[in-house]
Amino acid sequence: MKINADEIYSKIIGAAEDAFEDGWDAVKTYAPGEFKKMAIQLAEIVENVTLYEMDKTQGYSPETGRILFKMQKTACESVLVAVTHLTLNAVQKAINAIIETLKDVFGGTIATVV
């Protein structure tokens, strides 16, 4: 199953309002753009890890994929904390809930990477 950035973004946005709870109003202006970037990067990571799993001379390993996703997640957290009154802990908690939704919905390589 090929997963594209639009599918990932749709699930992120769908989970974000619930995950942020009362903090959604603080992030709703900036979050969609940040989540779009995260979705695009995650789709690229999944594609490259899948390539690697089929042919070790292409793409990159799941470990590299996890590192790249962690970097994307940290960047998203930093932006949302910087532009809102929310604490890093609140943003991390919400993003972790969103990631759990992605694992539940997509499973497979996404669950391996995130």
C-alpha atoms as a PDB file:
ATOM      1  CA  MET A   1       0.000   0.000   0.000  1.00  0.00           C
ATOM      2  CA  LYS A   2       1.438   3.307  -1.056  1.00  0.00           C
ATOM      3  CA  ILE A   3       0.822   6.131   1.386  1.00  0.00           C
ATOM      4  CA  ASN A   4       0.951   9.717   0.197  1.00  0.00           C
ATOM      5  CA  ALA A   5       1.402  12.985   2.052  1.00  0.00           C
ATOM      6  CA  ASP A   6      -2.226  14.036   1.557  1.00  0.00           C
ATOM      7  CA  GLU A   7      -3.473  10.884   3.297  1.00  0.00           C
ATOM      8  CA  ILE A   8      -1.076  11.431   6.181  1.00  0.00           C
ATOM      9  CA  TYR A   9      -1.980  15.120   6.443  1.00  0.00           C
ATOM     10  CA  SER A  10      -5.681  14.309   6.510  1.00  0.00           C
ATOM     11  CA  LYS A  11      -5.197  11.939   9.440  1.00  0.00           C
ATOM     12  CA  ILE A  12      -2.922  14.387  11.285  1.00  0.00           C
ATOM     13  CA  ILE A  13      -5.418  17.236  11.016  1.00  0.00           C
ATOM     14  CA  GLY A  14      -8.245  14.907  11.973  1.00  0.00           C
ATOM     15  CA  ALA A  15      -6.417  13.898  15.143  1.00  0.00           C
ATOM     16  CA  ALA A  16      -4.910  17.297  15.961  1.00  0.00           C
ATOM     17  CA  GLU A  17      -7.973  19.079  17.295  1.00  0.00           C
ATOM     18  CA  ASP A  18      -8.682  16.277  19.772  1.00  0.00           C
ATOM     19  CA  ALA A  19      -5.018  15.840  20.656  1.00  0.00           C
ATOM     20  CA  PHE A  20      -4.472  19.525  21.429  1.00  0.00           C
ATOM     21  CA  GLU A  21      -7.740  19.811  23.364  1.00  0.00           C
ATOM     22  CA  ASP A  22      -7.996  23.359  24.761  1.00  0.00           C
ATOM     23  CA  GLY A  23      -4.687  24.282  23.122  1.00  0.00           C
ATOM     24  CA  TRP A  24      -6.075  23.902  19.595  1.00  0.00           C
ATOM     25  CA  ASP A  25      -7.077  27.564  19.415  1.00  0.00           C
ATOM     26  CA  ALA A  26      -3.463  28.511  20.125  1.00  0.00           C
ATOM     27  CA  VAL A  27      -2.036  26.393  17.304  1.00  0.00           C
ATOM     28  CA  LYS A  28      -4.748  26.289  14.635  1.00  0.00           C
ATOM     29  CA  THR A  29      -3.222  29.169  12.685  1.00  0.00           C
ATOM     30  CA  TYR A  30       0.255  27.632  12.461  1.00  0.00           C
ATOM     31  CA  ALA A  31      -0.309  23.914  12.912  1.00  0.00           C
ATOM     32  CA  PRO A  32      -1.711  23.088   9.451  1.00  0.00           C
ATOM     33  CA  GLY A  33       1.412  24.372   7.702  1.00  0.00           C
ATOM     34  CA  GLU A  34       3.702  22.559  10.096  1.00  0.00           C
ATOM     35  CA  PHE A  35       1.672  19.372   9.822  1.00  0.00           C
ATOM     36  CA  LYS A  36       1.737  19.593   6.026  1.00  0.00           C
ATOM     37  CA  LYS A  37       5.548  19.721   6.136  1.00  0.00           C
ATOM     38  CA  MET A  38       5.571  16.787   8.555  1.00  0.00           C
ATOM     39  CA  ALA A  39       3.234  14.784   6.301  1.00  0.00           C
ATOM     40  CA  ILE A  40       5.377  15.422   3.217  1.00  0.00           C
ATOM     41  CA  GLN A  41       8.547  14.406   5.030  1.00  0.00           C
ATOM     42  CA  LEU A  42       6.945  11.314   6.557  1.00  0.00           C
ATOM     43  CA  ALA A  43       5.679  10.175   3.149  1.00  0.00           C
ATOM     44  CA  GLU A  44       9.202  10.590   1.713  1.00  0.00           C
ATOM     45  CA  ILE A  45      10.738   8.741   4.651  1.00  0.00           C
ATOM     46  CA  VAL A  46       8.290   5.848   4.287  1.00  0.00           C
ATOM     47  CA  GLU A  47       8.949   5.641   0.560  1.00  0.00           C
ATOM     48  CA  ASN A  48      12.711   5.532   1.088  1.00  0.00           C
ATOM     49  CA  VAL A  49      12.545   2.963   3.895  1.00  0.00           C
ATOM     50  CA  THR A  50      10.286   0.799   1.724  1.00  0.00           C
ATOM     51  CA  LEU A  51      12.808   1.052  -1.126  1.00  0.00           C
ATOM     52  CA  TYR A  52      15.602   0.039   1.247  1.00  0.00           C
ATOM     53  CA  GLU A  53      13.623  -2.941   2.508  1.00  0.00           C
ATOM     54  CA  MET A  54      13.221  -4.166  -1.087  1.00  0.00           C
ATOM     55  CA  ASP A  55      16.787  -3.366  -2.172  1.00  0.00           C
ATOM     56  CA  LYS A  56      19.493  -2.410   0.337  1.00  0.00           C
ATOM     57  CA  THR A  57      21.219  -0.290  -2.319  1.00  0.00           C
ATOM     58  CA  GLN A  58      18.290   2.151  -2.501  1.00  0.00           C
ATOM     59  CA  GLY A  59      16.563   4.445  -0.024  1.00  0.00           C
ATOM     60  CA  TYR A  60      17.621   4.327   3.589  1.00  0.00           C
ATOM     61  CA  SER A  61      17.315   2.091   6.606  1.00  0.00           C
ATOM     62  CA  PRO A  62      14.481   2.202   9.141  1.00  0.00           C
ATOM     63  CA  GLU A  63      16.974   3.555  11.682  1.00  0.00           C
ATOM     64  CA  THR A  64      17.811   6.471   9.400  1.00  0.00           C
ATOM     65  CA  GLY A  65      14.099   6.973   8.787  1.00  0.00           C
ATOM     66  CA  ARG A  66      13.450   7.155  12.547  1.00  0.00           C
ATOM     67  CA  ILE A  67      16.216   9.710  12.983  1.00  0.00           C
ATOM     68  CA  LEU A  68      14.889  11.847  10.135  1.00  0.00           C
ATOM     69  CA  PHE A  69      11.338  11.688  11.480  1.00  0.00           C
ATOM     70  CA  LYS A  70      12.522  12.584  14.979  1.00  0.00           C
ATOM     71  CA  MET A  71      14.236  15.662  13.506  1.00  0.00           C
ATOM     72  CA  GLN A  72      11.002  16.645  11.717  1.00  0.00           C
ATOM     73  CA  LYS A  73       8.952  16.109  14.872  1.00  0.00           C
ATOM     74  CA  THR A  74      11.343  18.223  16.942  1.00  0.00           C
ATOM     75  CA  ALA A  75      11.243  21.027  14.378  1.00  0.00           C
ATOM     76  CA  CYS A  76       7.436  20.993  14.380  1.00  0.00           C
ATOM     77  CA  GLU A  77       7.322  21.041  18.180  1.00  0.00           C
ATOM     78  CA  SER A  78       9.750  23.961  18.312  1.00  0.00           C
ATOM     79  CA  VAL A  79       7.718  26.054  15.882  1.00  0.00           C
ATOM     80  CA  LEU A  80       4.441  25.395  17.679  1.00  0.00           C
ATOM     81  CA  VAL A  81       5.943  26.250  21.062  1.00  0.00           C
ATOM     82  CA  ALA A  82       7.589  29.400  19.680  1.00  0.00           C
ATOM     83  CA  VAL A  83       4.400  30.801  18.140  1.00  0.00           C
ATOM     84  CA  THR A  84       1.976  29.908  20.937  1.00  0.00           C
ATOM     85  CA  HIS A  85       1.597  30.151  24.675  1.00  0.00           C
ATOM     86  CA  LEU A  86       1.725  26.357  24.984  1.00  0.00           C
ATOM     87  CA  THR A  87       4.568  24.632  26.785  1.00  0.00           C
ATOM     88  CA  LEU A  88       6.862  22.156  25.093  1.00  0.00           C
ATOM     89  CA  ASN A  89       5.368  19.404  27.241  1.00  0.00           C
ATOM     90  CA  ALA A  90       1.817  20.177  26.044  1.00  0.00           C
ATOM     91  CA  VAL A  91       2.893  20.272  22.395  1.00  0.00           C
ATOM     92  CA  GLN A  92       4.877  17.037  22.721  1.00  0.00           C
ATOM     93  CA  LYS A  93       1.930  15.297  24.362  1.00  0.00           C
ATOM     94  CA  ALA A  94      -0.413  16.360  21.553  1.00  0.00           C
ATOM     95  CA  ILE A  95       2.007  15.412  18.777  1.00  0.00           C
ATOM     96  CA  ASN A  96       2.635  12.033  20.401  1.00  0.00           C
ATOM     97  CA  ALA A  97      -1.141  11.421  20.395  1.00  0.00           C
ATOM     98  CA  ILE A  98      -1.239  12.351  16.702  1.00  0.00           C
ATOM     99  CA  ILE A  99       1.616   9.939  15.988  1.00  0.00           C
ATOM    100  CA  GLU A 100      -0.251   7.135  17.759  1.00  0.00           C
ATOM    101  CA  THR A 101      -3.200   7.833  15.459  1.00  0.00           C
ATOM    102  CA  LEU A 102      -0.905   7.537  12.432  1.00  0.00           C
ATOM    103  CA  LYS A 103       0.433   4.210  13.702  1.00  0.00           C
ATOM    104  CA  ASP A 104      -3.095   2.913  14.276  1.00  0.00           C
ATOM    105  CA  VAL A 105      -4.386   4.035  10.881  1.00  0.00           C
ATOM    106  CA  PHE A 106      -1.445   3.189   8.657  1.00  0.00           C
ATOM    107  CA  GLY A 107       0.662   0.668  10.583  1.00  0.00           C
ATOM    108  CA  GLY A 108       3.377  -0.918   8.445  1.00  0.00           C
ATOM    109  CA  THR A 109       6.403   1.174   7.649  1.00  0.00           C
ATOM    110  CA  ILE A 110       4.975   4.276   9.325  1.00  0.00           C
ATOM    111  CA  ALA A 111       4.782   2.377  12.614  1.00  0.00           C
ATOM    112  CA  THR A 112       8.392   1.311  12.103  1.00  0.00           C
ATOM    113  CA  VAL A 113       9.564   4.885  11.523  1.00  0.00           C
ATOM    114  CA  VAL A 114       7.491   6.924  13.971  1.00  0.00           C
END
